[in-house]
Amino acid sequence: MQPSGILETALYVTDVKVAAGFYADVLGMEVILRAGNESVFFRCGPGVLILFNVEKLKERPKGGLPIPSHGAIGPGHVCFSATRAEIAGWKSHLEANGIAIESEFDWPNGAHSLYFRDPSGNSIEFAEPQLWNLK
């Protein structure tokens, strides 16, 4: 048995409203579901990116969904797939929106990556799929 793919990825944020604005307005991601100030779900290709307010997960009321508690301490990381030309476009777009580029480089296999932070300090990356030998 082996998983066939990643269905959802979660990042933990300090302010869901601010983070949701960043992912929707700056990254252009489509919101597919909001759960008050607890979480927001975005379509990302065939998968979903979920932003959770980690403090609200600790407060899950009795009678709610049977989701085990989870969360993270410190910044998380997610990498979005993009071509080299798209990464150059993202760099210009991010800089135009006042987002600092933390790092940009070529990996030993030739794949290009661009790193920056979301408003909660999570590490966000755009990288060419060849980073993992994906076409």
C-alpha atoms as a PDB file:
ATOM      1  CA  MET A   1       0.000   0.000   0.000  1.00  0.00           C
ATOM      2  CA  GLN A   2       1.147   3.522  -0.790  1.00  0.00           C
ATOM      3  CA  PRO A   3      -0.698   6.861  -0.742  1.00  0.00           C
ATOM      4  CA  SER A   4      -1.490   8.135  -4.237  1.00  0.00           C
ATOM      5  CA  GLY A   5      -1.132  11.822  -3.448  1.00  0.00           C
ATOM      6  CA  ILE A   6      -1.580  14.576  -0.909  1.00  0.00           C
ATOM      7  CA  LEU A   7      -5.208  15.633  -0.605  1.00  0.00           C
ATOM      8  CA  GLU A   8      -4.755  18.486   1.833  1.00  0.00           C
ATOM      9  CA  THR A   9      -1.996  20.455   3.480  1.00  0.00           C
ATOM     10  CA  ALA A  10      -2.432  22.504   6.646  1.00  0.00           C
ATOM     11  CA  LEU A  11      -0.631  25.582   7.882  1.00  0.00           C
ATOM     12  CA  TYR A  12      -1.205  27.086  11.307  1.00  0.00           C
ATOM     13  CA  VAL A  13      -1.704  30.829  11.504  1.00  0.00           C
ATOM     14  CA  THR A  14      -2.040  33.435  14.224  1.00  0.00           C
ATOM     15  CA  ASP A  15      -4.844  35.412  12.540  1.00  0.00           C
ATOM     16  CA  VAL A  16      -7.096  33.582  10.075  1.00  0.00           C
ATOM     17  CA  LYS A  17      -8.593  36.784   8.629  1.00  0.00           C
ATOM     18  CA  VAL A  18      -5.187  38.341   7.882  1.00  0.00           C
ATOM     19  CA  ALA A  19      -3.774  35.063   6.536  1.00  0.00           C
ATOM     20  CA  ALA A  20      -6.869  34.429   4.401  1.00  0.00           C
ATOM     21  CA  GLY A  21      -6.505  37.884   2.883  1.00  0.00           C
ATOM     22  CA  PHE A  22      -2.878  37.178   2.019  1.00  0.00           C
ATOM     23  CA  TYR A  23      -3.594  33.828   0.349  1.00  0.00           C
ATOM     24  CA  ALA A  24      -6.669  35.138  -1.500  1.00  0.00           C
ATOM     25  CA  ASP A  25      -5.538  38.646  -2.420  1.00  0.00           C
ATOM     26  CA  VAL A  26      -1.769  38.250  -2.893  1.00  0.00           C
ATOM     27  CA  LEU A  27      -1.555  34.617  -4.026  1.00  0.00           C
ATOM     28  CA  GLY A  28      -4.938  34.638  -5.801  1.00  0.00           C
ATOM     29  CA  MET A  29      -6.127  31.388  -4.250  1.00  0.00           C
ATOM     30  CA  GLU A  30      -9.830  30.473  -4.343  1.00  0.00           C
ATOM     31  CA  VAL A  31     -11.590  30.179  -0.990  1.00  0.00           C
ATOM     32  CA  ILE A  32     -13.807  27.100  -0.955  1.00  0.00           C
ATOM     33  CA  LEU A  33     -14.882  27.137   2.702  1.00  0.00           C
ATOM     34  CA  ARG A  34     -14.631  29.377   5.751  1.00  0.00           C
ATOM     35  CA  ALA A  35     -15.268  28.334   9.335  1.00  0.00           C
ATOM     36  CA  GLY A  36     -15.451  31.662  11.139  1.00  0.00           C
ATOM     37  CA  ASN A  37     -12.131  32.712  12.665  1.00  0.00           C
ATOM     38  CA  GLU A  38     -11.096  29.072  13.086  1.00  0.00           C
ATOM     39  CA  SER A  39     -10.116  28.023   9.557  1.00  0.00           C
ATOM     40  CA  VAL A  40     -10.249  28.756   5.856  1.00  0.00           C
ATOM     41  CA  PHE A  41      -9.888  26.285   2.991  1.00  0.00           C
ATOM     42  CA  PHE A  42      -8.403  27.110  -0.422  1.00  0.00           C
ATOM     43  CA  ARG A  43      -8.451  25.190  -3.703  1.00  0.00           C
ATOM     44  CA  CYS A  44      -4.921  24.498  -4.907  1.00  0.00           C
ATOM     45  CA  GLY A  45      -4.864  22.442  -8.098  1.00  0.00           C
ATOM     46  CA  PRO A  46      -6.337  19.036  -7.259  1.00  0.00           C
ATOM     47  CA  GLY A  47      -5.737  19.550  -3.517  1.00  0.00           C
ATOM     48  CA  VAL A  48      -6.681  21.846  -0.679  1.00  0.00           C
ATOM     49  CA  LEU A  49      -4.628  24.186   1.499  1.00  0.00           C
ATOM     50  CA  ILE A  50      -6.145  24.716   4.950  1.00  0.00           C
ATOM     51  CA  LEU A  51      -5.216  27.564   7.254  1.00  0.00           C
ATOM     52  CA  PHE A  52      -6.029  26.768  10.887  1.00  0.00           C
ATOM     53  CA  ASN A  53      -5.953  29.097  13.859  1.00  0.00           C
ATOM     54  CA  VAL A  54      -3.980  26.748  16.108  1.00  0.00           C
ATOM     55  CA  GLU A  55      -5.395  28.359  19.255  1.00  0.00           C
ATOM     56  CA  LYS A  56      -8.951  27.664  18.093  1.00  0.00           C
ATOM     57  CA  LEU A  57      -8.098  23.995  17.461  1.00  0.00           C
ATOM     58  CA  LYS A  58      -7.223  23.710  21.148  1.00  0.00           C
ATOM     59  CA  GLU A  59     -10.662  25.131  22.029  1.00  0.00           C
ATOM     60  CA  ARG A  60     -12.715  22.689  19.922  1.00  0.00           C
ATOM     61  CA  PRO A  61     -16.124  22.539  21.594  1.00  0.00           C
ATOM     62  CA  LYS A  62     -17.706  19.272  22.666  1.00  0.00           C
ATOM     63  CA  GLY A  63     -20.166  18.027  20.071  1.00  0.00           C
ATOM     64  CA  GLY A  64     -18.050  19.348  17.199  1.00  0.00           C
ATOM     65  CA  LEU A  65     -16.461  17.299  14.450  1.00  0.00           C
ATOM     66  CA  PRO A  66     -14.385  14.354  15.696  1.00  0.00           C
ATOM     67  CA  ILE A  67     -11.101  15.808  14.442  1.00  0.00           C
ATOM     68  CA  PRO A  68      -8.135  14.968  16.678  1.00  0.00           C
ATOM     69  CA  SER A  69      -6.280  17.979  18.022  1.00  0.00           C
ATOM     70  CA  HIS A  70      -3.286  18.972  15.955  1.00  0.00           C
ATOM     71  CA  GLY A  71      -1.080  21.935  15.338  1.00  0.00           C
ATOM     72  CA  ALA A  72       2.519  22.995  15.128  1.00  0.00           C
ATOM     73  CA  ILE A  73       4.934  25.151  17.034  1.00  0.00           C
ATOM     74  CA  GLY A  74       7.021  27.458  14.911  1.00  0.00           C
ATOM     75  CA  PRO A  75       6.707  28.216  11.217  1.00  0.00           C
ATOM     76  CA  GLY A  76       5.437  25.601   8.803  1.00  0.00           C
ATOM     77  CA  HIS A  77       6.309  25.221   5.153  1.00  0.00           C
ATOM     78  CA  VAL A  78       4.479  24.668   1.893  1.00  0.00           C
ATOM     79  CA  CYS A  79       5.896  24.620  -1.628  1.00  0.00           C
ATOM     80  CA  PHE A  80       3.786  25.516  -4.649  1.00  0.00           C
ATOM     81  CA  SER A  81       4.692  24.195  -8.093  1.00  0.00           C
ATOM     82  CA  ALA A  82       5.614  26.778 -10.749  1.00  0.00           C
ATOM     83  CA  THR A  83       7.670  27.027 -13.905  1.00  0.00           C
ATOM     84  CA  ARG A  84      10.814  29.177 -13.926  1.00  0.00           C
ATOM     85  CA  ALA A  85       8.947  31.872 -15.888  1.00  0.00           C
ATOM     86  CA  GLU A  86       6.059  31.755 -13.402  1.00  0.00           C
ATOM     87  CA  ILE A  87       8.517  32.055 -10.497  1.00  0.00           C
ATOM     88  CA  ALA A  88       9.959  35.207 -12.092  1.00  0.00           C
ATOM     89  CA  GLY A  89       6.416  36.563 -12.388  1.00  0.00           C
ATOM     90  CA  TRP A  90       5.671  35.649  -8.766  1.00  0.00           C
ATOM     91  CA  LYS A  91       8.837  37.413  -7.630  1.00  0.00           C
ATOM     92  CA  SER A  92       7.770  40.643  -9.349  1.00  0.00           C
ATOM     93  CA  HIS A  93       4.202  40.300  -8.065  1.00  0.00           C
ATOM     94  CA  LEU A  94       5.306  39.643  -4.476  1.00  0.00           C
ATOM     95  CA  GLU A  95       7.761  42.543  -4.471  1.00  0.00           C
ATOM     96  CA  ALA A  96       5.068  44.840  -5.928  1.00  0.00           C
ATOM     97  CA  ASN A  97       2.885  43.812  -2.975  1.00  0.00           C
ATOM     98  CA  GLY A  98       5.604  44.572  -0.426  1.00  0.00           C
ATOM     99  CA  ILE A  99       6.435  40.929   0.268  1.00  0.00           C
ATOM    100  CA  ALA A 100      10.143  40.413   1.009  1.00  0.00           C
ATOM    101  CA  ILE A 101      11.892  37.621  -0.861  1.00  0.00           C
ATOM    102  CA  GLU A 102      13.776  35.578   1.714  1.00  0.00           C
ATOM    103  CA  SER A 103      15.795  33.405  -0.638  1.00  0.00           C
ATOM    104  CA  GLU A 104      16.061  32.497  -4.315  1.00  0.00           C
ATOM    105  CA  PHE A 105      18.416  29.956  -5.806  1.00  0.00           C
ATOM    106  CA  ASP A 106      18.990  26.993  -8.106  1.00  0.00           C
ATOM    107  CA  TRP A 107      19.235  23.519  -6.587  1.00  0.00           C
ATOM    108  CA  PRO A 108      22.051  21.108  -7.652  1.00  0.00           C
ATOM    109  CA  ASN A 109      19.601  19.386 -10.031  1.00  0.00           C
ATOM    110  CA  GLY A 110      18.877  22.754 -11.724  1.00  0.00           C
ATOM    111  CA  ALA A 111      15.433  23.395 -10.225  1.00  0.00           C
ATOM    112  CA  HIS A 112      14.747  26.984  -9.206  1.00  0.00           C
ATOM    113  CA  SER A 113      13.146  28.005  -5.869  1.00  0.00           C
ATOM    114  CA  LEU A 114      11.828  31.248  -4.404  1.00  0.00           C
ATOM    115  CA  TYR A 115      11.070  31.619  -0.676  1.00  0.00           C
ATOM    116  CA  PHE A 116       9.072  34.207   1.266  1.00  0.00           C
ATOM    117  CA  ARG A 117       6.918  34.354   4.423  1.00  0.00           C
ATOM    118  CA  ASP A 118       3.184  34.621   4.976  1.00  0.00           C
ATOM    119  CA  PRO A 119       1.832  37.027   7.636  1.00  0.00           C
ATOM    120  CA  SER A 120       2.140  34.293  10.323  1.00  0.00           C
ATOM    121  CA  GLY A 121       5.789  33.574   9.475  1.00  0.00           C
ATOM    122  CA  ASN A 122       5.216  30.323   7.575  1.00  0.00           C
ATOM    123  CA  SER A 123       7.842  29.609   4.919  1.00  0.00           C
ATOM    124  CA  ILE A 124       6.260  29.660   1.460  1.00  0.00           C
ATOM    125  CA  GLU A 125       8.129  28.405  -1.578  1.00  0.00           C
ATOM    126  CA  PHE A 126       7.565  28.355  -5.317  1.00  0.00           C
ATOM    127  CA  ALA A 127       9.695  25.705  -7.032  1.00  0.00           C
ATOM    128  CA  GLU A 128       9.985  24.024 -10.376  1.00  0.00           C
ATOM    129  CA  PRO A 129       8.528  20.480 -10.336  1.00  0.00           C
ATOM    130  CA  GLN A 130      11.884  19.078 -11.457  1.00  0.00           C
ATOM    131  CA  LEU A 131      13.033  19.706  -7.863  1.00  0.00           C
ATOM    132  CA  TRP A 132      11.523  16.279  -7.128  1.00  0.00           C
ATOM    133  CA  ASN A 133      11.902  14.936 -10.674  1.00  0.00           C
ATOM    134  CA  LEU A 134       8.247  15.646 -11.408  1.00  0.00           C
ATOM    135  CA  LYS A 135       7.207  16.729 -14.876  1.00  0.00           C
END
